[in-house]
Amino acid sequence: MARVSRIMRLVDFLRGREATTIAEISAALEVSVRTVHRDIATLREQGLPIASDTGPGGGVRLERDRGVTAVHLAIEEVVALWLAASLSSTGSSLPWGSAARSGLDKLFASVPRERARNMRELCQRVVVGRPASPRVLSELGAPPAELLAIFEQAFREQVCLAFDYEDRNGKRTRRCVEPHGLLVESPVWYILARDVEKEAARMFRMDRVHRPRLVPERRFTPDMEGLKAQALAQRSEGPR
């Protein structure tokens, strides 16, 4: 049995019972006790609230009162929902805008504190600003197709990103940056980064990035305070 299928069967098994034992799970899924313990540990890491009872039999149960809303949501999916909710709030009176924020608060409350903290920290690295100016929209190009996936990985895994960058005058330079944050001025987005070579905070518009690639051997610790201030300062300068 494939591990994903086995774990999903384990979830269904737990949901169908008030309480059970490791031995009962092992027999029902036709796997070893050791495998059951390993799969339960995996589900706990993903946020499923599984409680264990001490004593003979190794009883376990699903804590339904804590909810299972976020169990099958990856951190990236939570950030996507948070961004959608934040963008809706900039539209002032969009339907269900406040409900989206309320729903996310409940989602964060449904997972263990450490996982919720990691989710919030990732969301806080995304800054949502005003919509892009007509000037920016008029000159906006298409970013390379591979940029989204590469940026998401670098952003999530906290590794450096290298690319060729074309400035407003058409001059290209090679950059290696730490992608600390993301500024969204719909539909345009900017990488809020620390330029490794220049040792300075910089912003990079997504459609001016070329040949993006990961630099997995260079890691960094996110620091958004200075970058947020920079984003606000550059935003106040007017259209870019």
Protein backbone atom coordinates (compact mmCIF):
# COMPACT_ATOMS: atom_id res chain seq x y z
CA MET A 1 0.00 0.00 0.00
CA ALA A 2 1.36 3.45 -0.90
CA ARG A 3 2.23 5.54 2.14
CA VAL A 4 -0.12 8.40 1.19
CA SER A 5 -3.05 5.99 0.81
CA ARG A 6 -2.18 4.29 4.08
CA ILE A 7 -2.07 7.58 5.98
CA MET A 8 -5.40 8.68 4.50
CA ARG A 9 -6.92 5.33 5.62
CA LEU A 10 -5.50 5.97 9.09
CA VAL A 11 -7.18 9.39 9.20
CA ASP A 12 -10.52 7.85 8.16
CA PHE A 13 -10.09 5.11 10.75
CA LEU A 14 -9.52 7.64 13.55
CA ARG A 15 -12.43 9.82 12.45
CA GLY A 16 -14.77 6.85 12.60
CA ARG A 17 -14.05 6.04 16.27
CA GLU A 18 -14.15 7.83 19.58
CA ALA A 19 -10.98 6.01 20.61
CA THR A 20 -8.91 3.05 19.47
CA THR A 21 -5.62 1.32 20.16
CA ILE A 22 -2.39 1.00 18.26
CA ALA A 23 -3.00 -2.76 18.02
CA GLU A 24 -6.47 -2.24 16.49
CA ILE A 25 -5.07 0.20 13.93
CA SER A 26 -2.24 -2.17 13.10
CA ALA A 27 -4.68 -5.03 12.47
CA ALA A 28 -7.17 -2.95 10.48
CA LEU A 29 -4.54 -1.42 8.18
CA GLU A 30 -2.47 -4.62 8.06
CA VAL A 31 0.75 -2.84 8.98
CA SER A 32 3.20 -3.14 11.85
CA VAL A 33 2.82 -1.34 15.17
CA ARG A 34 6.01 0.54 14.37
CA THR A 35 4.50 1.79 11.10
CA VAL A 36 1.38 2.99 12.94
CA HIS A 37 3.50 4.99 15.39
CA ARG A 38 5.47 6.52 12.51
CA ASP A 39 2.32 7.47 10.57
CA ILE A 40 0.70 9.01 13.65
CA ALA A 41 3.84 11.09 14.22
CA THR A 42 3.62 12.31 10.60
CA LEU A 43 -0.02 13.35 11.03
CA ARG A 44 0.80 15.23 14.22
CA GLU A 45 3.54 17.13 12.39
CA GLN A 46 0.92 18.13 9.81
CA GLY A 47 -1.32 19.49 12.55
CA LEU A 48 -3.82 16.68 13.14
CA PRO A 49 -4.80 16.79 16.85
CA ILE A 50 -4.21 13.18 17.92
CA ALA A 51 -4.15 12.50 21.66
CA SER A 52 -2.54 9.44 23.27
CA ASP A 53 -3.65 7.63 26.42
CA THR A 54 -1.02 6.03 28.61
CA GLY A 55 -1.32 2.46 29.77
CA PRO A 56 -1.67 -0.98 28.15
CA GLY A 57 -2.83 -0.94 24.56
CA GLY A 58 -1.53 2.49 23.61
CA GLY A 59 -4.93 4.15 23.11
CA VAL A 60 -5.25 7.08 20.69
CA ARG A 61 -8.09 9.38 19.70
CA LEU A 62 -8.81 12.34 17.46
CA GLU A 63 -9.59 15.52 19.43
CA ARG A 64 -12.58 16.73 17.45
CA ASP A 65 -13.19 19.79 19.62
CA ARG A 66 -9.93 21.27 18.32
CA GLY A 67 -11.05 20.88 14.74
CA VAL A 68 -9.21 19.55 11.71
CA THR A 69 -9.69 22.49 9.39
CA ALA A 70 -6.06 23.00 8.41
CA VAL A 71 -4.83 19.42 8.40
CA HIS A 72 -4.70 19.06 4.62
CA LEU A 73 -3.50 22.60 3.90
CA ALA A 74 0.18 23.12 3.14
CA ILE A 75 1.79 26.29 4.46
CA GLU A 76 1.92 27.64 0.90
CA GLU A 77 -1.85 27.15 0.59
CA VAL A 78 -2.42 29.06 3.82
CA VAL A 79 -0.26 31.94 2.55
CA ALA A 80 -2.24 31.96 -0.70
CA LEU A 81 -5.51 32.23 1.26
CA TRP A 82 -4.04 34.97 3.45
CA LEU A 83 -2.92 36.91 0.38
CA ALA A 84 -6.34 36.56 -1.23
CA ALA A 85 -7.98 37.83 1.96
CA SER A 86 -5.54 40.75 2.16
CA LEU A 87 -6.16 41.71 -1.45
CA SER A 88 -9.91 41.61 -0.89
CA SER A 89 -9.55 44.00 2.05
CA THR A 90 -7.85 46.57 -0.21
CA GLY A 91 -11.01 46.64 -2.31
CA SER A 92 -12.84 48.26 0.64
CA SER A 93 -16.31 46.73 0.17
CA LEU A 94 -15.91 43.40 -1.59
CA PRO A 95 -18.43 40.71 -0.52
CA TRP A 96 -17.18 38.33 2.18
CA GLY A 97 -13.95 40.27 2.65
CA SER A 98 -14.24 40.31 6.45
CA ALA A 99 -15.37 36.67 6.45
CA ALA A 100 -12.12 35.67 4.75
CA ARG A 101 -10.07 37.22 7.55
CA SER A 102 -12.27 35.64 10.21
CA GLY A 103 -11.97 32.25 8.54
CA LEU A 104 -8.18 32.48 8.50
CA ASP A 105 -8.12 33.36 12.20
CA LYS A 106 -10.12 30.19 12.88
CA LEU A 107 -7.75 28.22 10.66
CA PHE A 108 -4.72 29.41 12.62
CA ALA A 109 -6.50 28.51 15.85
CA SER A 110 -7.15 24.97 14.61
CA VAL A 111 -3.50 23.93 14.40
CA PRO A 112 -0.77 23.52 17.04
CA ARG A 113 0.89 26.75 18.20
CA GLU A 114 4.25 26.07 16.56
CA ARG A 115 2.70 25.36 13.17
CA ALA A 116 0.42 28.41 13.47
CA ARG A 117 3.45 30.55 14.34
CA ASN A 118 5.31 29.32 11.25
CA MET A 119 2.28 30.08 9.09
CA ARG A 120 1.89 33.59 10.50
CA GLU A 121 5.60 34.35 10.10
CA LEU A 122 5.45 33.40 6.43
CA CYS A 123 2.32 35.51 5.90
CA GLN A 124 3.95 38.49 7.61
CA ARG A 125 6.66 38.48 4.98
CA VAL A 126 4.05 39.44 2.37
CA VAL A 127 3.22 43.16 2.10
CA VAL A 128 0.05 44.15 0.25
CA GLY A 129 0.05 47.69 -1.11
CA ARG A 130 -2.16 49.77 -3.34
CA PRO A 131 -2.91 48.59 -6.88
CA ALA A 132 -0.23 49.22 -9.50
CA SER A 133 -0.19 52.66 -11.08
CA PRO A 134 -1.32 53.20 -14.69
CA ARG A 135 2.29 53.95 -15.61
CA VAL A 136 3.53 50.61 -14.28
CA LEU A 137 0.64 48.77 -15.96
CA SER A 138 1.38 50.41 -19.30
CA GLU A 139 4.96 49.15 -19.37
CA LEU A 140 4.42 45.84 -17.59
CA GLY A 141 5.90 42.77 -19.25
CA ALA A 142 5.47 39.05 -18.60
CA PRO A 143 7.74 37.40 -16.02
CA PRO A 144 9.55 34.19 -17.02
CA ALA A 145 7.26 31.17 -16.65
CA GLU A 146 9.61 29.44 -14.21
CA LEU A 147 9.94 32.41 -11.84
CA LEU A 148 6.89 31.70 -9.67
CA ALA A 149 7.90 28.19 -8.68
CA ILE A 150 11.56 29.13 -8.13
CA PHE A 151 10.68 32.20 -6.07
CA GLU A 152 8.19 30.26 -3.94
CA GLN A 153 10.81 27.63 -3.14
CA ALA A 154 13.51 30.18 -2.29
CA PHE A 155 11.05 32.19 -0.19
CA ARG A 156 9.80 29.14 1.72
CA GLU A 157 13.12 27.35 2.20
CA GLN A 158 15.05 30.55 2.97
CA VAL A 159 17.73 30.11 0.33
CA CYS A 160 19.22 32.69 -2.01
CA LEU A 161 17.93 33.47 -5.48
CA ALA A 162 20.14 34.38 -8.45
CA PHE A 163 18.95 36.06 -11.64
CA ASP A 164 19.71 38.61 -14.32
CA TYR A 165 17.90 41.89 -13.69
CA GLU A 166 16.94 44.53 -16.25
CA ASP A 167 16.53 48.01 -14.79
CA ARG A 168 14.21 50.73 -16.10
CA ASN A 169 16.90 51.84 -18.56
CA GLY A 170 17.27 48.38 -20.05
CA LYS A 171 20.64 47.65 -18.44
CA ARG A 172 21.11 44.04 -17.24
CA THR A 173 23.11 43.00 -14.20
CA ARG A 174 23.59 39.69 -12.41
CA ARG A 175 22.19 39.52 -8.89
CA CYS A 176 22.29 37.12 -5.96
CA VAL A 177 19.72 38.04 -3.32
CA GLU A 178 18.08 36.87 -0.12
CA PRO A 179 14.29 36.97 -0.81
CA HIS A 180 13.12 38.16 2.60
CA GLY A 181 9.71 39.41 1.51
CA LEU A 182 7.16 40.03 -1.21
CA LEU A 183 5.40 43.29 -2.06
CA VAL A 184 2.14 42.93 -3.99
CA GLU A 185 0.70 45.90 -5.85
CA SER A 186 -1.90 43.99 -7.81
CA PRO A 187 -1.36 42.66 -10.40
CA VAL A 188 2.36 43.42 -10.03
CA TRP A 189 4.66 41.93 -7.42
CA TYR A 190 8.14 42.77 -6.23
CA ILE A 191 10.83 40.76 -4.47
CA LEU A 192 11.90 42.49 -1.25
CA ALA A 193 15.45 41.33 -0.88
CA ARG A 194 18.92 41.89 0.44
CA ASP A 195 21.45 42.07 -2.38
CA VAL A 196 24.27 39.80 -1.21
CA GLU A 197 27.03 41.55 -3.17
CA LYS A 198 25.93 45.11 -2.45
CA GLU A 199 24.93 44.26 1.14
CA ALA A 200 21.87 46.48 0.78
CA ALA A 201 18.09 46.19 0.64
CA ARG A 202 16.66 46.20 -2.87
CA MET A 203 13.32 45.73 -4.68
CA PHE A 204 13.03 43.76 -7.91
CA ARG A 205 9.96 43.86 -10.16
CA MET A 206 8.94 40.39 -11.29
CA ASP A 207 8.77 41.14 -15.03
CA ARG A 208 12.33 42.51 -15.06
CA VAL A 209 13.78 39.27 -13.68
CA HIS A 210 15.43 36.90 -16.17
CA ARG A 211 17.00 33.44 -15.84
CA PRO A 212 16.04 32.87 -12.17
CA ARG A 213 17.78 30.02 -10.34
CA LEU A 214 18.13 28.78 -6.79
CA VAL A 215 21.32 29.05 -4.76
CA PRO A 216 20.56 26.34 -2.16
CA GLU A 217 24.00 26.48 -0.55
CA ARG A 218 23.40 30.06 0.61
CA ARG A 219 20.80 30.28 3.35
CA PHE A 220 19.47 33.28 5.30
CA THR A 221 17.24 34.18 8.23
CA PRO A 222 14.22 36.36 7.26
CA ASP A 223 14.30 39.93 8.56
CA MET A 224 11.36 42.01 7.40
CA GLU A 225 11.54 45.18 9.52
CA GLY A 226 14.01 47.09 7.37
CA LEU A 227 12.58 45.73 4.14
CA LYS A 228 9.04 46.78 5.02
CA ALA A 229 10.27 50.30 5.77
CA GLN A 230 12.07 50.33 2.43
CA ALA A 231 8.94 49.17 0.62
CA LEU A 232 6.86 51.94 2.20
CA ALA A 233 9.49 54.55 1.36
CA GLN A 234 9.78 53.50 -2.27
CA ARG A 235 6.01 53.27 -2.60
CA SER A 236 5.65 56.88 -1.44
CA GLU A 237 8.02 58.02 -4.21
CA GLY A 238 5.27 57.42 -6.77
CA PRO A 239 4.93 55.18 -9.82
CA ARG A 240 7.80 52.82 -10.61
